[in-house]
N, C-alpha and C. Protein backbone atom coordinates (compact mmCIF):
# COMPACT_ATOMS: atom_id res chain seq x y z
N MET A 1 95.84 181.34 125.72
CA MET A 1 95.16 182.34 125.03
C MET A 1 95.18 183.65 125.90
N PRO A 2 95.28 184.75 125.22
CA PRO A 2 95.36 186.01 125.94
C PRO A 2 94.02 186.65 126.16
N ALA A 3 93.08 185.83 126.78
CA ALA A 3 91.72 186.36 127.18
C ALA A 3 91.12 185.40 128.15
N ASP A 4 89.97 185.88 128.79
CA ASP A 4 89.21 185.07 129.62
C ASP A 4 88.69 183.86 128.95
N ALA A 5 88.45 182.78 129.65
CA ALA A 5 87.98 181.47 129.05
C ALA A 5 86.65 181.73 128.38
N GLU A 6 85.74 182.55 129.01
CA GLU A 6 84.43 182.83 128.40
C GLU A 6 84.50 183.59 127.10
N ALA A 7 85.39 184.49 127.01
CA ALA A 7 85.58 185.25 125.77
C ALA A 7 86.14 184.31 124.64
N VAL A 8 87.10 183.54 125.00
CA VAL A 8 87.65 182.49 124.04
C VAL A 8 86.52 181.54 123.58
N PHE A 9 85.79 181.12 124.46
CA PHE A 9 84.68 180.12 124.17
C PHE A 9 83.63 180.89 123.35
N GLY A 10 83.49 182.14 123.51
CA GLY A 10 82.48 182.87 122.68
C GLY A 10 82.85 182.90 121.24
N VAL A 11 84.16 183.05 121.04
CA VAL A 11 84.64 183.06 119.66
C VAL A 11 84.55 181.60 119.06
N LEU A 12 84.97 180.57 119.88
CA LEU A 12 84.94 179.19 119.43
C LEU A 12 83.51 178.73 119.12
N SER A 13 82.56 179.12 119.93
CA SER A 13 81.20 178.64 119.79
C SER A 13 80.42 179.31 118.76
N ASP A 14 80.94 180.33 118.10
CA ASP A 14 80.27 181.03 117.13
C ASP A 14 80.62 180.39 115.74
N LEU A 15 79.65 179.35 115.56
CA LEU A 15 79.84 178.38 114.37
C LEU A 15 79.83 179.14 112.99
N GLU A 16 79.08 180.31 112.99
CA GLU A 16 79.02 180.96 111.67
C GLU A 16 80.31 181.58 111.24
N HIS A 17 81.22 181.74 112.26
CA HIS A 17 82.52 182.49 111.95
C HIS A 17 83.72 181.55 112.24
N MET A 18 83.54 180.28 112.21
CA MET A 18 84.63 179.37 112.54
C MET A 18 85.76 179.46 111.48
N THR A 19 85.44 179.81 110.26
CA THR A 19 86.44 179.92 109.24
C THR A 19 87.49 181.05 109.49
N SER A 20 87.19 181.90 110.44
CA SER A 20 88.13 182.98 110.81
C SER A 20 89.37 182.53 111.45
N TRP A 21 89.33 181.28 112.07
CA TRP A 21 90.43 180.72 112.75
C TRP A 21 90.82 179.33 112.28
N LEU A 22 90.03 178.66 111.50
CA LEU A 22 90.38 177.39 110.93
C LEU A 22 91.34 177.52 109.76
N PRO A 23 92.27 176.61 109.54
CA PRO A 23 93.14 176.66 108.43
C PRO A 23 92.34 176.82 107.11
N GLY A 24 92.87 177.52 106.13
CA GLY A 24 92.21 177.88 104.93
C GLY A 24 91.69 176.69 104.12
N SER A 25 92.19 175.54 104.30
CA SER A 25 91.79 174.45 103.47
C SER A 25 90.51 173.77 103.95
N VAL A 26 89.95 174.32 105.03
CA VAL A 26 88.65 173.72 105.49
C VAL A 26 87.58 174.70 105.37
N GLU A 27 86.42 174.25 104.86
CA GLU A 27 85.29 175.09 104.69
C GLU A 27 84.16 174.58 105.57
N ILE A 28 83.46 175.45 106.29
CA ILE A 28 82.45 174.97 107.19
C ILE A 28 81.20 175.93 106.99
N GLU A 29 80.08 175.34 107.05
CA GLU A 29 78.83 176.15 107.03
C GLU A 29 77.75 175.43 107.89
N LEU A 30 76.90 176.21 108.48
CA LEU A 30 75.81 175.64 109.26
C LEU A 30 74.84 175.01 108.33
N SER A 31 74.38 173.79 108.68
CA SER A 31 73.36 173.15 107.77
C SER A 31 72.14 172.81 108.54
N GLY A 32 72.00 173.27 109.71
CA GLY A 32 70.80 173.04 110.58
C GLY A 32 71.07 173.32 111.99
N PRO A 33 70.05 173.24 112.85
CA PRO A 33 70.33 173.41 114.24
C PRO A 33 71.36 172.40 114.80
N GLY A 34 72.50 172.87 115.28
CA GLY A 34 73.55 171.98 115.80
C GLY A 34 74.13 171.14 114.77
N LEU A 35 74.11 171.47 113.47
CA LEU A 35 74.69 170.70 112.44
C LEU A 35 75.62 171.56 111.60
N ILE A 36 76.81 171.06 111.35
CA ILE A 36 77.74 171.73 110.51
C ILE A 36 78.06 170.81 109.27
N ARG A 37 78.29 171.50 108.14
CA ARG A 37 78.71 170.84 107.02
C ARG A 37 80.16 171.15 106.78
N VAL A 38 81.05 170.16 106.52
CA VAL A 38 82.51 170.36 106.45
C VAL A 38 82.99 169.83 105.11
N TRP A 39 83.82 170.63 104.43
CA TRP A 39 84.52 170.30 103.20
C TRP A 39 85.98 170.24 103.50
N LEU A 40 86.54 169.05 103.34
CA LEU A 40 88.00 168.96 103.57
C LEU A 40 88.62 168.48 102.26
N PRO A 41 89.52 169.40 101.71
CA PRO A 41 90.19 168.91 100.50
C PRO A 41 91.19 167.86 100.83
N GLY A 42 91.32 166.87 100.02
CA GLY A 42 92.22 165.82 100.30
C GLY A 42 93.22 165.56 99.08
N ARG A 43 94.18 164.75 99.40
CA ARG A 43 95.12 164.46 98.37
C ARG A 43 94.55 163.63 97.21
N HIS A 44 93.60 162.75 97.52
CA HIS A 44 93.04 161.90 96.50
C HIS A 44 91.62 162.32 96.15
N ALA A 45 90.89 162.77 97.10
CA ALA A 45 89.47 163.19 96.95
C ALA A 45 89.07 164.16 98.03
N ASP A 46 88.09 165.06 97.68
CA ASP A 46 87.61 165.92 98.69
C ASP A 46 86.64 165.19 99.60
N LEU A 47 86.51 165.58 100.88
CA LEU A 47 85.63 164.93 101.87
C LEU A 47 84.56 165.89 102.16
N ASP A 48 83.34 165.53 101.99
CA ASP A 48 82.18 166.43 102.33
C ASP A 48 81.30 165.65 103.35
N LEU A 49 81.15 166.20 104.49
CA LEU A 49 80.44 165.47 105.54
C LEU A 49 79.70 166.37 106.49
N GLN A 50 78.73 165.82 107.22
CA GLN A 50 78.00 166.61 108.29
C GLN A 50 78.31 166.05 109.66
N ARG A 51 78.39 166.91 110.57
CA ARG A 51 78.61 166.57 111.95
C ARG A 51 77.74 167.24 112.98
N GLN A 52 77.16 166.57 113.82
CA GLN A 52 76.35 167.13 114.93
C GLN A 52 77.32 167.87 115.83
N VAL A 53 76.91 169.00 116.28
CA VAL A 53 77.79 169.87 117.24
C VAL A 53 77.00 170.14 118.49
N THR A 54 77.70 169.86 119.57
CA THR A 54 77.07 170.06 120.94
C THR A 54 77.94 171.15 121.55
N ILE A 55 77.27 172.25 121.96
CA ILE A 55 77.98 173.36 122.64
C ILE A 55 77.53 173.33 124.18
N ASP A 56 78.49 173.22 125.08
CA ASP A 56 78.21 173.20 126.46
C ASP A 56 78.92 174.35 127.25
N TRP A 57 78.19 175.46 127.46
CA TRP A 57 78.68 176.55 128.07
C TRP A 57 79.12 176.31 129.50
N ASP A 58 78.49 175.43 130.25
CA ASP A 58 78.82 175.10 131.62
C ASP A 58 80.28 174.56 131.70
N LEU A 59 80.62 173.62 130.76
CA LEU A 59 81.98 173.04 130.78
C LEU A 59 82.91 173.73 129.82
N LEU A 60 82.41 174.74 129.06
CA LEU A 60 83.28 175.41 128.01
C LEU A 60 83.75 174.40 127.05
N ARG A 61 82.87 173.55 126.57
CA ARG A 61 83.33 172.39 125.69
C ARG A 61 82.37 172.33 124.49
N ILE A 62 83.02 172.07 123.36
CA ILE A 62 82.36 171.82 122.12
C ILE A 62 82.69 170.37 121.63
N SER A 63 81.59 169.60 121.28
CA SER A 63 81.92 168.23 120.78
C SER A 63 81.29 168.15 119.39
N TRP A 64 81.89 167.40 118.48
CA TRP A 64 81.27 167.12 117.11
C TRP A 64 81.46 165.77 116.76
N GLY A 65 80.42 165.24 116.04
CA GLY A 65 80.44 163.79 115.58
C GLY A 65 79.90 163.02 116.82
N ASN A 66 79.91 161.70 116.62
CA ASN A 66 79.36 160.76 117.68
C ASN A 66 80.09 159.47 117.57
N GLU A 67 79.85 158.63 118.48
CA GLU A 67 80.63 157.30 118.62
C GLU A 67 80.78 156.46 117.35
N PRO A 68 79.72 156.26 116.63
CA PRO A 68 79.86 155.33 115.45
C PRO A 68 80.83 155.93 114.39
N MET A 69 81.11 157.23 114.36
CA MET A 69 81.84 157.85 113.31
C MET A 69 83.29 157.69 113.75
N THR A 70 84.09 157.37 112.79
CA THR A 70 85.58 157.11 113.08
C THR A 70 86.51 158.17 112.57
N SER A 71 85.96 159.21 111.85
CA SER A 71 86.86 160.27 111.43
C SER A 71 86.18 161.60 111.55
N CYS A 72 86.89 162.65 111.65
CA CYS A 72 86.49 164.04 111.83
C CYS A 72 85.58 164.19 113.03
N THR A 73 85.95 163.63 114.16
CA THR A 73 85.14 163.80 115.42
C THR A 73 86.13 164.39 116.48
N GLY A 74 85.52 164.89 117.52
CA GLY A 74 86.37 165.40 118.60
C GLY A 74 85.70 166.26 119.55
N THR A 75 86.52 166.82 120.51
CA THR A 75 86.08 167.80 121.48
C THR A 75 87.12 168.89 121.62
N LEU A 76 86.62 169.98 122.02
CA LEU A 76 87.50 171.20 122.19
C LEU A 76 87.01 171.78 123.55
N GLN A 77 87.86 172.08 124.36
CA GLN A 77 87.52 172.62 125.67
C GLN A 77 88.49 173.77 126.03
N VAL A 78 87.87 174.84 126.69
CA VAL A 78 88.56 175.96 127.14
C VAL A 78 88.81 175.85 128.68
N LEU A 79 89.99 176.04 129.10
CA LEU A 79 90.35 175.91 130.49
C LEU A 79 90.70 177.30 131.09
N ARG A 80 90.18 177.52 132.24
CA ARG A 80 90.40 178.86 132.91
C ARG A 80 91.82 178.75 133.59
N LEU A 81 92.72 179.68 133.30
CA LEU A 81 94.00 179.71 133.91
C LEU A 81 94.13 180.78 134.97
N ALA A 82 93.88 181.98 134.52
CA ALA A 82 93.90 183.30 135.32
C ALA A 82 93.04 184.24 134.68
N HIS A 83 92.98 185.39 135.32
CA HIS A 83 92.24 186.51 134.74
C HIS A 83 92.92 186.84 133.36
N ASP A 84 92.14 186.90 132.32
CA ASP A 84 92.66 187.17 130.99
C ASP A 84 93.66 186.13 130.41
N ARG A 85 93.65 184.95 130.92
CA ARG A 85 94.52 183.86 130.44
C ARG A 85 93.61 182.62 130.41
N SER A 86 93.72 181.87 129.27
CA SER A 86 92.95 180.59 129.28
C SER A 86 93.81 179.68 128.29
N ALA A 87 93.46 178.42 128.26
CA ALA A 87 94.03 177.53 127.40
C ALA A 87 93.00 176.69 126.67
N VAL A 88 93.26 176.13 125.50
CA VAL A 88 92.38 175.35 124.73
C VAL A 88 92.94 174.02 124.55
N THR A 89 92.17 173.00 124.81
CA THR A 89 92.59 171.61 124.59
C THR A 89 91.74 171.02 123.45
N VAL A 90 92.34 170.21 122.61
CA VAL A 90 91.62 169.65 121.45
C VAL A 90 91.91 168.15 121.44
N ARG A 91 90.86 167.36 121.16
CA ARG A 91 91.03 165.93 120.92
C ARG A 91 90.32 165.83 119.58
N LEU A 92 90.98 165.32 118.50
CA LEU A 92 90.46 165.29 117.24
C LEU A 92 90.95 163.99 116.46
N THR A 93 89.96 163.38 115.79
CA THR A 93 90.30 162.30 114.88
C THR A 93 90.27 162.98 113.54
N GLY A 94 91.33 162.71 112.71
CA GLY A 94 91.38 163.45 111.47
C GLY A 94 90.56 162.67 110.32
N ALA A 95 90.75 163.24 109.24
CA ALA A 95 90.04 162.63 108.01
C ALA A 95 90.65 161.30 107.71
N PRO A 96 89.98 160.37 107.02
CA PRO A 96 90.44 159.03 106.70
C PRO A 96 91.82 159.12 105.99
N GLY A 97 92.81 158.44 106.57
CA GLY A 97 94.14 158.36 105.87
C GLY A 97 95.04 159.48 106.36
N ALA A 98 94.55 160.39 107.18
CA ALA A 98 95.45 161.47 107.62
C ALA A 98 96.34 160.97 108.78
N SER A 99 97.65 161.39 108.70
CA SER A 99 98.60 160.85 109.67
C SER A 99 98.43 161.64 110.92
N ALA A 100 98.88 161.15 112.05
CA ALA A 100 98.82 161.86 113.28
C ALA A 100 99.49 163.17 113.27
N SER A 101 100.71 163.14 112.63
CA SER A 101 101.54 164.39 112.52
C SER A 101 100.80 165.47 111.73
N SER A 102 100.14 165.07 110.65
CA SER A 102 99.37 166.07 109.85
C SER A 102 98.17 166.62 110.62
N VAL A 103 97.50 165.80 111.44
CA VAL A 103 96.44 166.25 112.33
C VAL A 103 96.99 167.22 113.38
N ASP A 104 98.11 166.83 113.98
CA ASP A 104 98.72 167.72 114.94
C ASP A 104 99.18 169.09 114.31
N ASP A 105 99.70 169.07 113.19
CA ASP A 105 100.04 170.29 112.46
C ASP A 105 98.91 171.15 112.14
N TRP A 106 97.76 170.47 111.70
CA TRP A 106 96.51 171.21 111.54
C TRP A 106 96.00 171.80 112.72
N VAL A 107 95.95 171.05 113.82
CA VAL A 107 95.51 171.71 115.19
C VAL A 107 96.33 172.81 115.58
N GLU A 108 97.71 172.74 115.47
CA GLU A 108 98.63 173.79 115.87
C GLU A 108 98.24 175.08 115.02
N ALA A 109 98.10 174.88 113.73
CA ALA A 109 97.77 175.99 112.83
C ALA A 109 96.39 176.64 113.24
N ALA A 110 95.42 175.81 113.54
CA ALA A 110 94.22 176.31 113.94
C ALA A 110 94.29 177.15 115.30
N LEU A 111 95.11 176.59 116.23
CA LEU A 111 95.14 177.26 117.55
C LEU A 111 95.96 178.55 117.38
N ASN A 112 96.97 178.64 116.59
CA ASN A 112 97.71 179.79 116.34
C ASN A 112 96.85 180.82 115.64
N ALA A 113 96.01 180.48 114.71
CA ALA A 113 95.08 181.41 114.05
C ALA A 113 94.01 181.90 115.08
N LEU A 114 93.53 180.97 115.94
CA LEU A 114 92.62 181.40 116.99
C LEU A 114 93.18 182.40 117.98
N GLU A 115 94.51 182.20 118.41
CA GLU A 115 95.12 183.16 119.22
C GLU A 115 95.20 184.51 118.55
N THR A 116 95.48 184.58 117.28
CA THR A 116 95.49 185.90 116.55
C THR A 116 94.12 186.52 116.61
N VAL A 117 93.07 185.71 116.38
CA VAL A 117 91.72 186.26 116.35
C VAL A 117 91.38 186.79 117.79
N ILE A 118 91.72 185.98 118.74
CA ILE A 118 91.45 186.32 120.22
C ILE A 118 92.13 187.63 120.56
N ALA A 119 93.41 187.74 120.17
CA ALA A 119 94.17 188.91 120.47
C ALA A 119 93.59 190.18 119.78
N THR A 120 92.98 190.00 118.67
CA THR A 120 92.39 191.06 117.95
C THR A 120 91.02 191.42 118.52
N GLU A 121 90.18 190.39 118.84
CA GLU A 121 88.84 190.63 119.24
C GLU A 121 88.73 190.94 120.78
N CYS A 122 89.68 190.36 121.51
CA CYS A 122 89.62 190.58 122.97
C CYS A 122 90.95 191.12 123.53
N PRO A 123 91.36 192.29 123.03
CA PRO A 123 92.66 192.72 123.42
C PRO A 123 92.79 192.97 124.94
N ILE A 124 93.93 192.73 125.46
CA ILE A 124 94.22 193.02 126.90
C ILE A 124 95.34 193.98 126.96
N PRO A 125 95.32 194.84 128.01
CA PRO A 125 96.40 195.88 128.05
C PRO A 125 97.87 195.25 127.96
N GLN A 126 98.70 196.03 127.31
CA GLN A 126 100.09 195.60 127.05
C GLN A 126 100.74 195.15 128.36
N GLN A 127 100.60 195.85 129.48
CA GLN A 127 101.20 195.53 130.72
C GLN A 127 100.78 194.15 131.22
N MET A 128 99.51 193.78 130.98
CA MET A 128 99.06 192.48 131.39
C MET A 128 99.64 191.37 130.50
N ARG A 129 99.82 191.66 129.17
CA ARG A 129 100.27 190.68 128.25
C ARG A 129 101.72 190.46 128.68
N LEU A 130 102.48 191.40 129.00
CA LEU A 130 103.89 191.20 129.37
C LEU A 130 104.01 190.40 130.71
N ALA A 131 103.07 190.76 131.65
CA ALA A 131 103.08 190.10 132.98
C ALA A 131 102.76 188.57 132.86
N ALA A 132 101.93 188.22 131.81
CA ALA A 132 101.53 186.77 131.60
C ALA A 132 102.60 185.97 131.05
N ARG A 133 103.59 186.58 130.48
CA ARG A 133 104.65 185.79 129.78
C ARG A 133 105.59 185.12 130.77
């Protein structure tokens, strides 16, 4: 990502604006302290669920769901690479019946959209962007 890890995590941890970087087929809203409600349209039926969200600023990690749940759970962590450079790692279990490749495609689309949001909200000078490549 073309920004400091803390800036990237600031965008990621803003639960009210998650839809700015999530693929358009997912709808999310806050449903209580540390709770999100997620709607996932599916091929056979829509999935409507709630997940507990834990935000850890010390580790720059967000977790959702918990152990007994077998779908739509995971963690996301921002890694510090260099000044104005970071990386995002994601571990995600998809919706019931989702193939690993479709989950991977979804994560890739989300990270690409996140990079666009980060580049817009946390611009770095052009010379730094070129040096980072």
